[in-house]
Amino acid sequence: MAGHLFPKAFKTLLKPPVWRNIIQKALISDHERNMIGKREIVGYGWNGQPVYSDRFLFPFPAIRWKEPTCEILALREKEKGDWNNLTCEEKKALYRASFCQTFSEIDVMDQGEWKAVLSLILWCFTIGIWMFFWCKMTIYNVPHPITYDKEHREAQFRRILDLRVNPILGISSKWDYENDCWKK
């Protein structure tokens, strides 16, 4: 008796619950349902949205790649049986109905990404350099104050020495006030 209950219970656990499709349909807005068309929702997806994208970090998209056609539906029925009965072309057709690219195709697509990143970085540098020169020519193109002249800076330096500013560790500590020159 117990030997018959376990396989029967195990088979019922493997069957998808009836309420799963109802919940999935209830959680999707009309806009999202219109965007995905008749494509089947097969998982949670990336960020929980019913979108398709081929990614290494998230290999199982939420929806299938193609909408079901008569040929694909017939292959899916045949798929439920023994996979040894499927030809290699039928297996490839089933894979391409669910996924757009294989992992090796995704890898080939990502190999040229460095060019776009490098061009974006160079464009940012170029724009930054042009902005620097524009600011230098327009905003900072004002005459310097008179205090920037050499005579005024020397007079300010002499005033600092005369006032004996910071006599312990500063400039005044290195000035010999008796001989009016730098200490040796």
Protein backbone atom coordinates (compact mmCIF):
# COMPACT_ATOMS: atom_id res chain seq x y z
CA MET A 1 0.00 0.00 0.00
CA ALA A 2 2.71 2.46 1.01
CA GLY A 3 4.71 1.46 -2.06
CA HIS A 4 1.88 2.73 -4.26
CA LEU A 5 1.26 5.97 -2.38
CA PHE A 6 4.79 7.34 -2.61
CA PRO A 7 5.11 7.27 -6.44
CA LYS A 8 1.60 8.68 -6.80
CA ALA A 9 2.34 11.52 -4.36
CA PHE A 10 5.66 12.20 -6.08
CA LYS A 11 3.93 12.50 -9.47
CA THR A 12 1.42 14.98 -8.09
CA LEU A 13 4.27 17.06 -6.68
CA LEU A 14 5.92 17.18 -10.10
CA LYS A 15 2.78 18.47 -11.80
CA PRO A 16 2.63 22.27 -12.00
CA PRO A 17 -0.06 23.66 -9.72
CA VAL A 18 -3.23 24.89 -11.35
CA TRP A 19 -3.14 28.18 -9.46
CA ARG A 20 0.35 29.09 -10.79
CA ASN A 21 -0.97 30.34 -14.14
CA ILE A 22 -3.76 32.27 -12.42
CA ILE A 23 -1.29 34.06 -10.12
CA GLN A 24 1.10 34.81 -12.99
CA LYS A 25 -1.70 36.30 -15.05
CA ALA A 26 -2.92 38.34 -12.09
CA LEU A 27 0.52 39.82 -11.33
CA ILE A 28 1.12 41.10 -14.87
CA SER A 29 -0.35 44.41 -15.94
CA ASP A 30 -2.20 44.80 -19.22
CA HIS A 31 0.67 46.85 -20.61
CA GLU A 32 3.19 44.09 -19.84
CA ARG A 33 0.84 41.46 -21.24
CA ASN A 34 0.53 43.47 -24.47
CA MET A 35 4.31 43.83 -24.68
CA ILE A 36 5.06 40.11 -24.35
CA GLY A 37 2.20 39.00 -26.59
CA LYS A 38 1.42 35.28 -26.44
CA ARG A 39 4.85 34.28 -25.16
CA GLU A 40 4.77 31.95 -22.18
CA ILE A 41 5.98 33.11 -18.77
CA VAL A 42 8.37 30.44 -17.52
CA GLY A 43 9.96 32.01 -14.44
CA TYR A 44 10.43 34.95 -12.13
CA GLY A 45 12.79 36.77 -14.45
CA TRP A 46 15.34 39.46 -13.96
CA ASN A 47 13.96 41.94 -11.38
CA GLY A 48 10.63 40.12 -11.48
CA GLN A 49 9.60 41.72 -14.78
CA PRO A 50 8.36 39.68 -17.75
CA VAL A 51 11.18 40.72 -20.10
CA TYR A 52 13.62 38.75 -22.21
CA SER A 53 17.37 39.33 -22.22
CA ASP A 54 20.32 37.03 -22.80
CA ARG A 55 22.75 37.45 -19.89
CA PHE A 56 25.54 35.42 -18.32
CA LEU A 57 24.62 36.51 -14.82
CA PHE A 58 20.94 35.69 -15.26
CA PRO A 59 20.74 32.79 -17.74
CA PHE A 60 17.01 32.03 -17.41
CA PRO A 61 14.75 34.81 -18.71
CA ALA A 62 11.19 35.20 -17.50
CA ILE A 63 9.56 34.61 -20.87
CA ARG A 64 10.29 32.49 -23.91
CA TRP A 65 11.97 34.04 -26.95
CA LYS A 66 9.33 33.18 -29.57
CA GLU A 67 5.58 33.11 -29.49
CA PRO A 68 4.20 29.59 -29.79
CA THR A 69 3.38 28.42 -33.31
CA CYS A 70 1.79 25.16 -34.42
CA GLU A 71 5.21 23.62 -35.12
CA ILE A 72 6.62 24.64 -31.74
CA LEU A 73 3.52 23.40 -29.89
CA ALA A 74 3.81 20.05 -31.68
CA LEU A 75 7.49 19.85 -30.71
CA ARG A 76 6.64 20.67 -27.09
CA GLU A 77 4.14 17.80 -27.01
CA LYS A 78 6.77 15.50 -28.49
CA GLU A 79 9.27 16.86 -25.94
CA LYS A 80 7.14 15.54 -23.07
CA GLY A 81 7.95 12.01 -24.21
CA ASP A 82 11.33 10.37 -24.64
CA TRP A 83 14.03 12.81 -25.77
CA ASN A 84 15.76 10.04 -27.72
CA ASN A 85 12.87 10.23 -30.19
CA LEU A 86 13.70 13.88 -30.96
CA THR A 87 16.13 14.63 -33.76
CA CYS A 88 18.98 17.07 -33.31
CA GLU A 89 17.19 19.65 -35.47
CA GLU A 90 14.05 19.36 -33.34
CA LYS A 91 16.08 19.89 -30.17
CA LYS A 92 17.69 22.97 -31.73
CA ALA A 93 14.27 24.29 -32.77
CA LEU A 94 12.99 23.82 -29.21
CA TYR A 95 16.04 25.61 -27.83
CA ARG A 96 15.68 28.50 -30.28
CA ALA A 97 12.00 28.83 -29.39
CA SER A 98 12.95 29.40 -25.75
CA PHE A 99 16.29 31.25 -26.13
CA CYS A 100 17.66 33.69 -28.68
CA GLN A 101 21.36 32.95 -28.22
CA THR A 102 23.59 30.23 -26.84
CA PHE A 103 26.24 31.03 -24.23
CA SER A 104 28.99 30.96 -26.85
CA GLU A 105 27.05 33.46 -29.00
CA ILE A 106 26.59 35.74 -25.98
CA ASP A 107 30.33 35.52 -25.31
CA VAL A 108 31.12 36.52 -28.89
CA MET A 109 28.74 39.47 -28.62
CA ASP A 110 30.42 40.71 -25.43
CA GLN A 111 33.95 40.60 -26.86
CA GLY A 112 33.52 43.89 -28.73
CA GLU A 113 32.06 45.75 -25.75
CA TRP A 114 35.44 47.24 -24.81
CA LYS A 115 35.38 49.33 -27.98
CA ALA A 116 32.16 51.05 -27.02
CA VAL A 117 33.40 51.63 -23.47
CA LEU A 118 36.69 53.06 -24.71
CA SER A 119 34.94 55.35 -27.18
CA LEU A 120 32.59 56.58 -24.44
CA ILE A 121 35.55 57.32 -22.16
CA LEU A 122 37.36 59.19 -24.94
CA TRP A 123 34.23 61.20 -25.71
CA CYS A 124 33.93 62.16 -22.03
CA PHE A 125 37.58 63.25 -21.95
CA THR A 126 37.11 65.26 -25.14
CA ILE A 127 34.02 67.02 -23.81
CA GLY A 128 35.82 67.71 -20.52
CA ILE A 129 38.83 69.24 -22.30
CA TRP A 130 36.60 71.42 -24.48
CA MET A 131 34.68 72.57 -21.39
CA PHE A 132 37.97 73.38 -19.63
CA PHE A 133 39.16 75.54 -22.53
CA TRP A 134 35.75 77.20 -22.85
CA CYS A 135 35.78 78.09 -19.13
CA LYS A 136 39.36 79.32 -19.41
CA MET A 137 38.52 81.55 -22.39
CA THR A 138 35.22 82.94 -21.11
CA ILE A 139 34.81 82.66 -17.35
CA TYR A 140 38.40 82.93 -16.16
CA ASN A 141 39.50 85.46 -18.78
CA VAL A 142 39.42 88.42 -16.38
CA PRO A 143 42.45 90.55 -15.47
CA HIS A 144 44.21 89.54 -12.28
CA PRO A 145 43.98 91.86 -9.29
CA ILE A 146 46.84 94.26 -8.74
CA THR A 147 47.95 92.27 -5.70
CA TYR A 148 49.16 89.51 -8.06
CA ASP A 149 52.01 91.74 -9.30
CA LYS A 150 55.53 90.91 -8.13
CA GLU A 151 56.01 94.22 -6.29
CA HIS A 152 52.81 93.81 -4.30
CA ARG A 153 53.65 90.21 -3.38
CA GLU A 154 57.11 91.28 -2.18
CA ALA A 155 55.55 94.09 -0.14
CA GLN A 156 53.06 91.65 1.41
CA PHE A 157 55.88 89.24 2.24
CA ARG A 158 57.88 92.06 3.86
CA ARG A 159 54.79 93.08 5.86
CA ILE A 160 54.44 89.47 7.15
CA LEU A 161 58.07 89.58 8.28
CA ASP A 162 57.66 93.01 9.91
CA LEU A 163 54.58 91.88 11.81
CA ARG A 164 56.49 88.77 12.92
CA VAL A 165 53.69 86.40 11.92
CA ASN A 166 54.11 82.88 13.36
CA PRO A 167 57.50 83.45 15.00
CA ILE A 168 57.97 79.89 16.32
CA LEU A 169 57.51 77.61 13.31
CA GLY A 170 56.62 79.89 10.41
CA ILE A 171 58.54 82.16 8.05
CA SER A 172 59.37 84.66 10.78
CA SER A 173 61.31 82.00 12.70
CA LYS A 174 63.72 81.67 9.78
CA TRP A 175 64.37 85.44 9.41
CA ASP A 176 67.24 87.19 11.15
CA TYR A 177 65.79 90.53 12.24
CA GLU A 178 69.12 91.98 13.41
CA ASN A 179 70.93 91.46 10.08
CA ASP A 180 67.76 91.78 7.96
CA CYS A 181 68.42 88.53 6.06
CA TRP A 182 67.60 84.80 6.22
CA LYS A 183 69.15 82.77 9.02
CA LYS A 184 71.96 80.48 8.03
